[in-house]
Every structure is written in C-alpha cells, then in structure tokens.
Amino acid sequence: MIKIAKIISLSGLKTGKTAIIHRLKGGHGFKSRLSVLGFTPGTEVRMIQNFGHGPVIVEIKDTNIALGRGEAMKVIIEESDNDGDMEESEKVERGHRLKRKRRNHKK
C-alpha cells in the first residue's frame, strides 16, 4: 500500500488524528521552547482538541500540551491519509498498543 502524506500545519489537524512532526517554523526561542516540550521532527503527535479557533490540545510523548493557534500554525506536520483506510482490526490493535504504552509509562 502506498502511503500518501499531506504537509500541513498542526492547527489544521482534526481531533483524533495523528501525524508526524516535519519541522518547526519560527525564531530560535520558539523552536527551542517547543523542542524542550518534545516537538521534534519525527515525533508522533495526536490532536486531542481542535475546535477550529482558539488553542489546541495535543498529546505528544504521553503528555497533553495546549498550544495557542498561532503557535500551532508554526508546527509543520505530515498527516497520513491512511487512517481511514485501516482495517477495523488494525485500528483496534493500534488502540490496544497505545493503551498498553500509556499504562506501562505510568508505572
């Protein structure tokens, strides 16, 4: 199966979708602050809340982080189109892996 990725800003990611961080736009201070929070290229991020206005809440490295919409627009991500093409069993298995990972991390 061919993977098709869209390059968009984090502010355009829909609630519940996951993506991979591609790069950060902005000055040294902004990039440094977000890097410390875990926003580094290649890291998976999941949108927890995005109403289309105001701040967004994302999960990154088992931590929920709120970003202002302007900040989220400076985080460039690769969104995979394959989420909708996944078989139901793959979605269930993926969910179980994430739950196990979270439980193990909390110990």
PDB file of N, CA and C in Angstrom:
ATOM      1  N   MET A   1       0.844  -1.178   0.000  1.00  0.00           N
ATOM      2  CA  MET A   1       0.000   0.000   0.000  1.00  0.00           C
ATOM      3  C   MET A   1       0.887   1.239   0.000  1.00  0.00           C
ATOM      4  N   ILE A   2       0.575   2.210  -0.825  1.00  0.00           N
ATOM      5  CA  ILE A   2       1.330   3.438  -0.925  1.00  0.00           C
ATOM      6  C   ILE A   2       0.838   4.405   0.138  1.00  0.00           C
ATOM      7  N   LYS A   3       1.791   4.980   0.882  1.00  0.00           N
ATOM      8  CA  LYS A   3       1.429   5.964   1.890  1.00  0.00           C
ATOM      9  C   LYS A   3       1.455   7.349   1.260  1.00  0.00           C
ATOM     10  N   ILE A   4       0.397   8.089   1.465  1.00  0.00           N
ATOM     11  CA  ILE A   4       0.301   9.452   0.972  1.00  0.00           C
ATOM     12  C   ILE A   4       0.253  10.368   2.186  1.00  0.00           C
ATOM     13  N   ALA A   5       1.165  11.318   2.226  1.00  0.00           N
ATOM     14  CA  ALA A   5       1.217  12.241   3.358  1.00  0.00           C
ATOM     15  C   ALA A   5       0.923  13.651   2.888  1.00  0.00           C
ATOM     16  N   LYS A   6       0.171  14.376   3.696  1.00  0.00           N
ATOM     17  CA  LYS A   6      -0.095  15.792   3.438  1.00  0.00           C
ATOM     18  C   LYS A   6       0.752  16.598   4.410  1.00  0.00           C
ATOM     19  N   ILE A   7       1.397  17.641   3.904  1.00  0.00           N
ATOM     20  CA  ILE A   7       2.161  18.543   4.752  1.00  0.00           C
ATOM     21  C   ILE A   7       1.248  19.722   5.081  1.00  0.00           C
ATOM     22  N   ILE A   8       0.898  19.851   6.360  1.00  0.00           N
ATOM     23  CA  ILE A   8       0.011  20.930   6.807  1.00  0.00           C
ATOM     24  C   ILE A   8       0.526  21.451   8.140  1.00  0.00           C
ATOM     25  N   SER A   9      -0.100  22.509   8.643  1.00  0.00           N
ATOM     26  CA  SER A   9       0.262  22.984   9.980  1.00  0.00           C
ATOM     27  C   SER A   9      -0.548  22.203  11.018  1.00  0.00           C
ATOM     28  N   LEU A  10      -0.032  22.155  12.226  1.00  0.00           N
ATOM     29  CA  LEU A  10      -0.695  21.432  13.310  1.00  0.00           C
ATOM     30  C   LEU A  10      -2.101  21.975  13.557  1.00  0.00           C
ATOM     31  N   SER A  11      -2.314  23.253  13.306  1.00  0.00           N
ATOM     32  CA  SER A  11      -3.636  23.845  13.529  1.00  0.00           C
ATOM     33  C   SER A  11      -4.695  23.265  12.587  1.00  0.00           C
ATOM     34  N   GLY A  12      -4.275  22.627  11.494  1.00  0.00           N
ATOM     35  CA  GLY A  12      -5.211  22.037  10.546  1.00  0.00           C
ATOM     36  C   GLY A  12      -5.522  20.574  10.797  1.00  0.00           C
ATOM     37  N   LEU A  13      -4.902  19.979  11.813  1.00  0.00           N
ATOM     38  CA  LEU A  13      -5.136  18.569  12.122  1.00  0.00           C
ATOM     39  C   LEU A  13      -6.460  18.414  12.860  1.00  0.00           C
ATOM     40  N   LYS A  14      -7.275  17.474  12.430  1.00  0.00           N
ATOM     41  CA  LYS A  14      -8.586  17.266  13.041  1.00  0.00           C
ATOM     42  C   LYS A  14      -8.455  16.468  14.350  1.00  0.00           C
ATOM     43  N   THR A  15      -9.405  16.688  15.245  1.00  0.00           N
ATOM     44  CA  THR A  15      -9.436  15.998  16.527  1.00  0.00           C
ATOM     45  C   THR A  15      -9.411  14.481  16.315  1.00  0.00           C
ATOM     46  N   GLY A  16      -8.557  13.794  17.071  1.00  0.00           N
ATOM     47  CA  GLY A  16      -8.448  12.338  16.997  1.00  0.00           C
ATOM     48  C   GLY A  16      -7.427  11.837  15.986  1.00  0.00           C
ATOM     49  N   LYS A  17      -6.962  12.688  15.096  1.00  0.00           N
ATOM     50  CA  LYS A  17      -5.991  12.276  14.068  1.00  0.00           C
ATOM     51  C   LYS A  17      -4.572  12.350  14.611  1.00  0.00           C
ATOM     52  N   THR A  18      -3.695  11.544  14.037  1.00  0.00           N
ATOM     53  CA  THR A  18      -2.283  11.569  14.408  1.00  0.00           C
ATOM     54  C   THR A  18      -1.457  12.012  13.205  1.00  0.00           C
ATOM     55  N   ALA A  19      -0.276  12.513  13.494  1.00  0.00           N
ATOM     56  CA  ALA A  19       0.628  12.972  12.448  1.00  0.00           C
ATOM     57  C   ALA A  19       2.058  12.919  12.990  1.00  0.00           C
ATOM     58  N   ILE A  20       2.990  13.146  12.100  1.00  0.00           N
ATOM     59  CA  ILE A  20       4.408  13.190  12.462  1.00  0.00           C
ATOM     60  C   ILE A  20       4.907  14.617  12.274  1.00  0.00           C
ATOM     61  N   ILE A  21       5.647  15.112  13.245  1.00  0.00           N
ATOM     62  CA  ILE A  21       6.188  16.463  13.133  1.00  0.00           C
ATOM     63  C   ILE A  21       7.249  16.485  12.043  1.00  0.00           C
ATOM     64  N   HIS A  22       7.103  17.417  11.121  1.00  0.00           N
ATOM     65  CA  HIS A  22       8.019  17.563   9.981  1.00  0.00           C
ATOM     66  C   HIS A  22       9.094  18.607  10.293  1.00  0.00           C
ATOM     67  N   ARG A  23       8.663  19.790  10.731  1.00  0.00           N
ATOM     68  CA  ARG A  23       9.609  20.850  11.096  1.00  0.00           C
ATOM     69  C   ARG A  23       8.886  21.936  11.874  1.00  0.00           C
ATOM     70  N   LEU A  24       9.659  22.845  12.452  1.00  0.00           N
ATOM     71  CA  LEU A  24       9.124  23.993  13.176  1.00  0.00           C
ATOM     72  C   LEU A  24       9.524  25.259  12.439  1.00  0.00           C
ATOM     73  N   LYS A  25       8.564  26.177  12.262  1.00  0.00           N
ATOM     74  CA  LYS A  25       8.856  27.482  11.678  1.00  0.00           C
ATOM     75  C   LYS A  25       8.913  28.486  12.821  1.00  0.00           C
ATOM     76  N   GLY A  26       9.781  29.450  12.729  1.00  0.00           N
ATOM     77  CA  GLY A  26       9.840  30.479  13.760  1.00  0.00           C
ATOM     78  C   GLY A  26      11.267  30.742  14.192  1.00  0.00           C
ATOM     79  N   GLY A  27      11.389  31.619  15.166  1.00  0.00           N
ATOM     80  CA  GLY A  27      12.697  32.012  15.663  1.00  0.00           C
ATOM     81  C   GLY A  27      13.331  30.972  16.569  1.00  0.00           C
ATOM     82  N   HIS A  28      14.563  31.267  16.967  1.00  0.00           N
ATOM     83  CA  HIS A  28      15.327  30.345  17.809  1.00  0.00           C
ATOM     84  C   HIS A  28      14.621  30.084  19.142  1.00  0.00           C
ATOM     85  N   GLY A  29      14.079  31.134  19.758  1.00  0.00           N
ATOM     86  CA  GLY A  29      13.407  30.978  21.050  1.00  0.00           C
ATOM     87  C   GLY A  29      12.200  30.063  20.963  1.00  0.00           C
ATOM     88  N   PHE A  30      11.398  30.250  19.929  1.00  0.00           N
ATOM     89  CA  PHE A  30      10.218  29.413  19.734  1.00  0.00           C
ATOM     90  C   PHE A  30      10.609  27.961  19.508  1.00  0.00           C
ATOM     91  N   LYS A  31      11.564  27.735  18.602  1.00  0.00           N
ATOM     92  CA  LYS A  31      11.999  26.363  18.299  1.00  0.00           C
ATOM     93  C   LYS A  31      12.587  25.689  19.533  1.00  0.00           C
ATOM     94  N   SER A  32      13.359  26.446  20.294  1.00  0.00           N
ATOM     95  CA  SER A  32      13.980  25.895  21.499  1.00  0.00           C
ATOM     96  C   SER A  32      12.919  25.498  22.527  1.00  0.00           C
ATOM     97  N   ARG A  33      11.942  26.366  22.761  1.00  0.00           N
ATOM     98  CA  ARG A  33      10.896  26.088  23.752  1.00  0.00           C
ATOM     99  C   ARG A  33      10.080  24.870  23.364  1.00  0.00           C
ATOM    100  N   LEU A  34       9.686  24.782  22.090  1.00  0.00           N
ATOM    101  CA  LEU A  34       8.890  23.642  21.660  1.00  0.00           C
ATOM    102  C   LEU A  34       9.705  22.345  21.636  1.00  0.00           C
ATOM    103  N   SER A  35      10.981  22.438  21.319  1.00  0.00           N
ATOM    104  CA  SER A  35      11.842  21.249  21.349  1.00  0.00           C
ATOM    105  C   SER A  35      11.931  20.679  22.759  1.00  0.00           C
ATOM    106  N   VAL A  36      12.017  21.548  23.747  1.00  0.00           N
ATOM    107  CA  VAL A  36      12.069  21.106  25.145  1.00  0.00           C
ATOM    108  C   VAL A  36      10.780  20.391  25.531  1.00  0.00           C
ATOM    109  N   LEU A  37       9.653  20.814  24.941  1.00  0.00           N
ATOM    110  CA  LEU A  37       8.360  20.169  25.217  1.00  0.00           C
ATOM    111  C   LEU A  37       8.176  18.857  24.455  1.00  0.00           C
ATOM    112  N   GLY A  38       9.112  18.539  23.546  1.00  0.00           N
ATOM    113  CA  GLY A  38       9.033  17.277  22.811  1.00  0.00           C
ATOM    114  C   GLY A  38       8.654  17.421  21.353  1.00  0.00           C
ATOM    115  N   PHE A  39       8.457  18.627  20.874  1.00  0.00           N
ATOM    116  CA  PHE A  39       8.094  18.861  19.472  1.00  0.00           C
ATOM    117  C   PHE A  39       9.355  18.842  18.613  1.00  0.00           C
ATOM    118  N   THR A  40       9.777  17.646  18.264  1.00  0.00           N
ATOM    119  CA  THR A  40      10.972  17.482  17.440  1.00  0.00           C
ATOM    120  C   THR A  40      10.600  16.711  16.175  1.00  0.00           C
ATOM    121  N   PRO A  41      11.295  16.978  15.064  1.00  0.00           N
ATOM    122  CA  PRO A  41      10.979  16.274  13.815  1.00  0.00           C
ATOM    123  C   PRO A  41      11.014  14.752  13.999  1.00  0.00           C
ATOM    124  N   GLY A  42      10.011  14.088  13.428  1.00  0.00           N
ATOM    125  CA  GLY A  42       9.917  12.633  13.518  1.00  0.00           C
ATOM    126  C   GLY A  42       9.063  12.136  14.670  1.00  0.00           C
ATOM    127  N   THR A  43       8.643  13.030  15.567  1.00  0.00           N
ATOM    128  CA  THR A  43       7.847  12.649  16.727  1.00  0.00           C
ATOM    129  C   THR A  43       6.367  12.608  16.358  1.00  0.00           C
ATOM    130  N   GLU A  44       5.665  11.573  16.845  1.00  0.00           N
ATOM    131  CA  GLU A  44       4.231  11.450  16.588  1.00  0.00           C
ATOM    132  C   GLU A  44       3.449  12.371  17.517  1.00  0.00           C
ATOM    133  N   VAL A  45       2.425  12.998  16.981  1.00  0.00           N
ATOM    134  CA  VAL A  45       1.560  13.885  17.747  1.00  0.00           C
ATOM    135  C   VAL A  45       0.113  13.527  17.431  1.00  0.00           C
ATOM    136  N   ARG A  46      -0.751  13.568  18.451  1.00  0.00           N
ATOM    137  CA  ARG A  46      -2.176  13.264  18.260  1.00  0.00           C
ATOM    138  C   ARG A  46      -2.992  14.451  18.733  1.00  0.00           C
ATOM    139  N   MET A  47      -3.951  14.873  17.916  1.00  0.00           N
ATOM    140  CA  MET A  47      -4.802  16.014  18.257  1.00  0.00           C
ATOM    141  C   MET A  47      -5.888  15.560  19.227  1.00  0.00           C
ATOM    142  N   ILE A  48      -5.910  16.168  20.386  1.00  0.00           N
ATOM    143  CA  ILE A  48      -6.911  15.865  21.409  1.00  0.00           C
ATOM    144  C   ILE A  48      -8.120  16.782  21.244  1.00  0.00           C
ATOM    145  N   GLN A  49      -7.855  18.079  21.001  1.00  0.00           N
ATOM    146  CA  GLN A  49      -8.960  19.035  20.868  1.00  0.00           C
ATOM    147  C   GLN A  49      -8.586  20.125  19.875  1.00  0.00           C
ATOM    148  N   ASN A  50      -9.431  20.323  18.876  1.00  0.00           N
ATOM    149  CA  ASN A  50      -9.247  21.391  17.900  1.00  0.00           C
ATOM    150  C   ASN A  50     -10.621  21.839  17.428  1.00  0.00           C
ATOM    151  N   PHE A  51     -11.080  22.968  17.961  1.00  0.00           N
ATOM    152  CA  PHE A  51     -12.396  23.486  17.603  1.00  0.00           C
ATOM    153  C   PHE A  51     -12.360  24.348  16.346  1.00  0.00           C
ATOM    154  N   GLY A  52     -11.184  24.598  15.796  1.00  0.00           N
ATOM    155  CA  GLY A  52     -11.065  25.443  14.614  1.00  0.00           C
ATOM    156  C   GLY A  52     -10.795  26.900  14.948  1.00  0.00           C
ATOM    157  N   HIS A  53     -10.821  27.227  16.228  1.00  0.00           N
ATOM    158  CA  HIS A  53     -10.482  28.571  16.709  1.00  0.00           C
ATOM    159  C   HIS A  53      -9.962  28.412  18.130  1.00  0.00           C
ATOM    160  N   GLY A  54      -9.160  29.347  18.579  1.00  0.00           N
ATOM    161  CA  GLY A  54      -8.612  29.264  19.924  1.00  0.00           C
ATOM    162  C   GLY A  54      -7.518  28.219  20.015  1.00  0.00           C
ATOM    163  N   PRO A  55      -7.101  27.895  21.241  1.00  0.00           N
ATOM    164  CA  PRO A  55      -5.982  26.962  21.432  1.00  0.00           C
ATOM    165  C   PRO A  55      -6.332  25.531  21.027  1.00  0.00           C
ATOM    166  N   VAL A  56      -5.288  24.748  20.787  1.00  0.00           N
ATOM    167  CA  VAL A  56      -5.441  23.318  20.503  1.00  0.00           C
ATOM    168  C   VAL A  56      -4.775  22.550  21.635  1.00  0.00           C
ATOM    169  N   ILE A  57      -5.229  21.329  21.851  1.00  0.00           N
ATOM    170  CA  ILE A  57      -4.598  20.445  22.835  1.00  0.00           C
ATOM    171  C   ILE A  57      -4.130  19.215  22.086  1.00  0.00           C
ATOM    172  N   VAL A  58      -2.839  18.895  22.242  1.00  0.00           N
ATOM    173  CA  VAL A  58      -2.263  17.742  21.564  1.00  0.00           C
ATOM    174  C   VAL A  58      -1.625  16.808  22.584  1.00  0.00           C
ATOM    175  N   GLU A  59      -1.521  15.546  22.188  1.00  0.00           N
ATOM    176  CA  GLU A  59      -0.795  14.569  23.002  1.00  0.00           C
ATOM    177  C   GLU A  59       0.509  14.282  22.288  1.00  0.00           C
ATOM    178  N   ILE A  60       1.596  14.451  23.009  1.00  0.00           N
ATOM    179  CA  ILE A  60       2.912  14.171  22.459  1.00  0.00           C
ATOM    180  C   ILE A  60       3.734  13.515  23.561  1.00  0.00           C
ATOM    181  N   LYS A  61       4.300  12.368  23.261  1.00  0.00           N
ATOM    182  CA  LYS A  61       5.099  11.614  24.239  1.00  0.00           C
ATOM    183  C   LYS A  61       4.343  11.418  25.553  1.00  0.00           C
ATOM    184  N   ASP A  62       3.089  10.970  25.460  1.00  0.00           N
ATOM    185  CA  ASP A  62       2.232  10.661  26.620  1.00  0.00           C
ATOM    186  C   ASP A  62       1.932  11.864  27.502  1.00  0.00           C
ATOM    187  N   THR A  63       2.006  13.075  26.948  1.00  0.00           N
ATOM    188  CA  THR A  63       1.717  14.294  27.687  1.00  0.00           C
ATOM    189  C   THR A  63       0.775  15.164  26.862  1.00  0.00           C
ATOM    190  N   ASN A  64      -0.241  15.723  27.497  1.00  0.00           N
ATOM    191  CA  ASN A  64      -1.137  16.657  26.820  1.00  0.00           C
ATOM    192  C   ASN A  64      -0.579  18.069  26.961  1.00  0.00           C
ATOM    193  N   ILE A  65      -0.515  18.782  25.843  1.00  0.00           N
ATOM    194  CA  ILE A  65       0.035  20.132  25.821  1.00  0.00           C
ATOM    195  C   ILE A  65      -0.925  21.041  25.060  1.00  0.00           C
ATOM    196  N   ALA A  66      -1.201  22.212  25.623  1.00  0.00           N
ATOM    197  CA  ALA A  66      -2.040  23.208  24.960  1.00  0.00           C
ATOM    198  C   ALA A  66      -1.132  24.204  24.243  1.00  0.00           C
ATOM    199  N   LEU A  67      -1.455  24.493  22.991  1.00  0.00           N
ATOM    200  CA  LEU A  67      -0.733  25.483  22.210  1.00  0.00           C
ATOM    201  C   LEU A  67      -1.727  26.505  21.683  1.00  0.00           C
ATOM    202  N   GLY A  68      -1.309  27.758  21.644  1.00  0.00           N
ATOM    203  CA  GLY A  68      -2.126  28.778  21.005  1.00  0.00           C
ATOM    204  C   GLY A  68      -2.200  28.483  19.509  1.00  0.00           C
ATOM    205  N   ARG A  69      -3.240  28.984  18.865  1.00  0.00           N
ATOM    206  CA  ARG A  69      -3.420  28.715  17.439  1.00  0.00           C
ATOM    207  C   ARG A  69      -2.245  29.245  16.627  1.00  0.00           C
ATOM    208  N   GLY A  70      -1.700  30.388  16.980  1.00  0.00           N
ATOM    209  CA  GLY A  70      -0.539  30.936  16.271  1.00  0.00           C
ATOM    210  C   GLY A  70       0.677  30.032  16.389  1.00  0.00           C
ATOM    211  N   GLU A  71       0.878  29.468  17.576  1.00  0.00           N
ATOM    212  CA  GLU A  71       1.986  28.526  17.769  1.00  0.00           C
ATOM    213  C   GLU A  71       1.755  27.264  16.947  1.00  0.00           C
ATOM    214  N   ALA A  72       0.524  26.764  16.977  1.00  0.00           N
ATOM    215  CA  ALA A  72       0.199  25.532  16.243  1.00  0.00           C
ATOM    216  C   ALA A  72       0.395  25.719  14.737  1.00  0.00           C
ATOM    217  N   MET A  73       0.205  26.931  14.250  1.00  0.00           N
ATOM    218  CA  MET A  73       0.396  27.186  12.823  1.00  0.00           C
ATOM    219  C   MET A  73       1.869  27.128  12.416  1.00  0.00           C
ATOM    220  N   LYS A  74       2.768  27.253  13.385  1.00  0.00           N
ATOM    221  CA  LYS A  74       4.208  27.207  13.103  1.00  0.00           C
ATOM    222  C   LYS A  74       4.782  25.798  13.198  1.00  0.00           C
ATOM    223  N   VAL A  75       3.960  24.835  13.614  1.00  0.00           N
ATOM    224  CA  VAL A  75       4.397  23.437  13.688  1.00  0.00           C
ATOM    225  C   VAL A  75       3.914  22.751  12.421  1.00  0.00           C
ATOM    226  N   ILE A  76       4.843  22.340  11.568  1.00  0.00           N
ATOM    227  CA  ILE A  76       4.509  21.719  10.291  1.00  0.00           C
ATOM    228  C   ILE A  76       4.550  20.206  10.466  1.00  0.00           C
ATOM    229  N   ILE A  77       3.471  19.542  10.043  1.00  0.00           N
ATOM    230  CA  ILE A  77       3.327  18.098  10.257  1.00  0.00           C
ATOM    231  C   ILE A  77       3.085  17.374   8.944  1.00  0.00           C
ATOM    232  N   GLU A  78       3.286  16.071   8.988  1.00  0.00           N
ATOM    233  CA  GLU A  78       2.946  15.178   7.880  1.00  0.00           C
ATOM    234  C   GLU A  78       1.748  14.354   8.334  1.00  0.00           C
ATOM    235  N   GLU A  79       0.605  14.617   7.744  1.00  0.00           N
ATOM    236  CA  GLU A  79      -0.605  13.877   8.088  1.00  0.00           C
ATOM    237  C   GLU A  79      -0.778  12.731   7.105  1.00  0.00           C
ATOM    238  N   SER A  80      -0.925  11.544   7.614  1.00  0.00           N
ATOM    239  CA  SER A  80      -1.111  10.370   6.767  1.00  0.00           C
ATOM    240  C   SER A  80      -2.570  10.244   6.376  1.00  0.00           C
ATOM    241  N   ASP A  81      -2.823   9.918   5.114  1.00  0.00           N
ATOM    242  CA  ASP A  81      -4.195   9.682   4.647  1.00  0.00           C
ATOM    243  C   ASP A  81      -4.648   8.259   4.936  1.00  0.00           C
ATOM    244  N   ASN A  82      -3.784   7.435   5.494  1.00  0.00           N
ATOM    245  CA  ASN A  82      -4.090   6.012   5.660  1.00  0.00           C
ATOM    246  C   ASN A  82      -4.972   5.693   6.856  1.00  0.00           C
ATOM    247  N   ASP A  83      -5.213   6.631   7.765  1.00  0.00           N
ATOM    248  CA  ASP A  83      -6.062   6.344   8.924  1.00  0.00           C
ATOM    249  C   ASP A  83      -7.429   5.832   8.506  1.00  0.00           C
ATOM    250  N   GLY A  84      -8.015   6.419   7.468  1.00  0.00           N
ATOM    251  CA  GLY A  84      -9.327   5.998   7.014  1.00  0.00           C
ATOM    252  C   GLY A  84      -9.295   4.672   6.287  1.00  0.00           C
ATOM    253  N   ASP A  85      -8.128   4.265   5.751  1.00  0.00           N
ATOM    254  CA  ASP A  85      -8.014   3.020   5.002  1.00  0.00           C
ATOM    255  C   ASP A  85      -7.680   1.825   5.884  1.00  0.00           C
ATOM    256  N   MET A  86      -7.433   2.049   7.169  1.00  0.00           N
ATOM    257  CA  MET A  86      -7.065   0.957   8.050  1.00  0.00           C
ATOM    258  C   MET A  86      -8.240   0.021   8.271  1.00  0.00           C
ATOM    259  N   GLU A  87      -7.940  -1.241   8.295  1.00  0.00           N
ATOM    260  CA  GLU A  87      -8.955  -2.231   8.648  1.00  0.00           C
ATOM    261  C   GLU A  87      -9.353  -2.014  10.100  1.00  0.00           C
ATOM    262  N   GLU A  88     -10.576  -2.385  10.455  1.00  0.00           N
ATOM    263  CA  GLU A  88     -11.043  -2.199  11.827  1.00  0.00           C
ATOM    264  C   GLU A  88     -10.145  -2.934  12.818  1.00  0.00           C
ATOM    265  N   SER A  89      -9.678  -4.131  12.470  1.00  0.00           N
ATOM    266  CA  SER A  89      -8.800  -4.884  13.372  1.00  0.00           C
ATOM    267  C   SER A  89      -7.484  -4.153  13.603  1.00  0.00           C
ATOM    268  N   GLU A  90      -6.980  -3.454  12.560  1.00  0.00           N
ATOM    269  CA  GLU A  90      -5.747  -2.678  12.718  1.00  0.00           C
ATOM    270  C   GLU A  90      -5.977  -1.506  13.664  1.00  0.00           C
ATOM    271  N   LYS A  91      -7.135  -0.839  13.562  1.00  0.00           N
ATOM    272  CA  LYS A  91      -7.442   0.276  14.448  1.00  0.00           C
ATOM    273  C   LYS A  91      -7.545  -0.194  15.891  1.00  0.00           C
ATOM    274  N   VAL A  92      -8.204  -1.337  16.102  1.00  0.00           N
ATOM    275  CA  VAL A  92      -8.347  -1.886  17.451  1.00  0.00           C
ATOM    276  C   VAL A  92      -6.980  -2.239  18.014  1.00  0.00           C
ATOM    277  N   GLU A  93      -6.154  -2.924  17.226  1.00  0.00           N
ATOM    278  CA  GLU A  93      -4.816  -3.311  17.677  1.00  0.00           C
ATOM    279  C   GLU A  93      -3.982  -2.079  17.989  1.00  0.00           C
ATOM    280  N   ARG A  94      -4.076  -1.067  17.144  1.00  0.00           N
ATOM    281  CA  ARG A  94      -3.325   0.166  17.370  1.00  0.00           C
ATOM    282  C   ARG A  94      -3.769   0.802  18.684  1.00  0.00           C
ATOM    283  N   GLY A  95      -5.073   0.820  18.955  1.00  0.00           N
ATOM    284  CA  GLY A  95      -5.596   1.373  20.200  1.00  0.00           C
ATOM    285  C   GLY A  95      -5.109   0.612  21.411  1.00  0.00           C
ATOM    286  N   HIS A  96      -5.051  -0.728  21.315  1.00  0.00           N
ATOM    287  CA  HIS A  96      -4.554  -1.541  22.425  1.00  0.00           C
ATOM    288  C   HIS A  96      -3.083  -1.264  22.689  1.00  0.00           C
ATOM    289  N   ARG A  97      -2.303  -1.107  21.626  1.00  0.00           N
ATOM    290  CA  ARG A  97      -0.872  -0.810  21.799  1.00  0.00           C
ATOM    291  C   ARG A  97      -0.693   0.527  22.505  1.00  0.00           C
ATOM    292  N   LEU A  98      -1.479   1.542  22.120  1.00  0.00           N
ATOM    293  CA  LEU A  98      -1.366   2.852  22.751  1.00  0.00           C
ATOM    294  C   LEU A  98      -1.763   2.787  24.217  1.00  0.00           C
ATOM    295  N   LYS A  99      -2.838   2.028  24.534  1.00  0.00           N
ATOM    296  CA  LYS A  99      -3.268   1.905  25.923  1.00  0.00           C
ATOM    297  C   LYS A  99      -2.203   1.198  26.761  1.00  0.00           C
ATOM    298  N   ARG A 100      -1.624   0.121  26.215  1.00  0.00           N
ATOM    299  CA  ARG A 100      -0.560  -0.588  26.932  1.00  0.00           C
ATOM    300  C   ARG A 100       0.625   0.329  27.175  1.00  0.00           C
ATOM    301  N   LYS A 101       0.984   1.101  26.178  1.00  0.00           N
ATOM    302  CA  LYS A 101       2.120   2.013  26.273  1.00  0.00           C
ATOM    303  C   LYS A 101       1.860   3.037  27.388  1.00  0.00           C
ATOM    304  N   ARG A 102       0.644   3.582  27.439  1.00  0.00           N
ATOM    305  CA  ARG A 102       0.314   4.571  28.456  1.00  0.00           C
ATOM    306  C   ARG A 102       0.353   3.946  29.855  1.00  0.00           C
ATOM    307  N   ARG A 103      -0.227   2.731  29.987  1.00  0.00           N
ATOM    308  CA  ARG A 103      -0.226   2.066  31.292  1.00  0.00           C
ATOM    309  C   ARG A 103       1.198   1.798  31.764  1.00  0.00           C
ATOM    310  N   ASN A 104       2.035   1.299  30.873  1.00  0.00           N
ATOM    311  CA  ASN A 104       3.420   0.989  31.236  1.00  0.00           C
ATOM    312  C   ASN A 104       4.186   2.245  31.587  1.00  0.00           C
ATOM    313  N   HIS A 105       3.865   3.339  30.948  1.00  0.00           N
ATOM    314  CA  HIS A 105       4.571   4.586  31.190  1.00  0.00           C
ATOM    315  C   HIS A 105       4.224   5.142  32.580  1.00  0.00           C
ATOM    316  N   LYS A 106       2.995   4.924  33.051  1.00  0.00           N
ATOM    317  CA  LYS A 106       2.545   5.478  34.329  1.00  0.00           C
ATOM    318  C   LYS A 106       3.139   4.739  35.524  1.00  0.00           C
ATOM    319  N   LYS A 107       3.655   3.532  35.332  1.00  0.00           N
ATOM    320  CA  LYS A 107       4.182   2.731  36.454  1.00  0.00           C
ATOM    321  C   LYS A 107       5.432   3.336  37.027  1.00  0.00           C
TER     322      LYS A 107
END
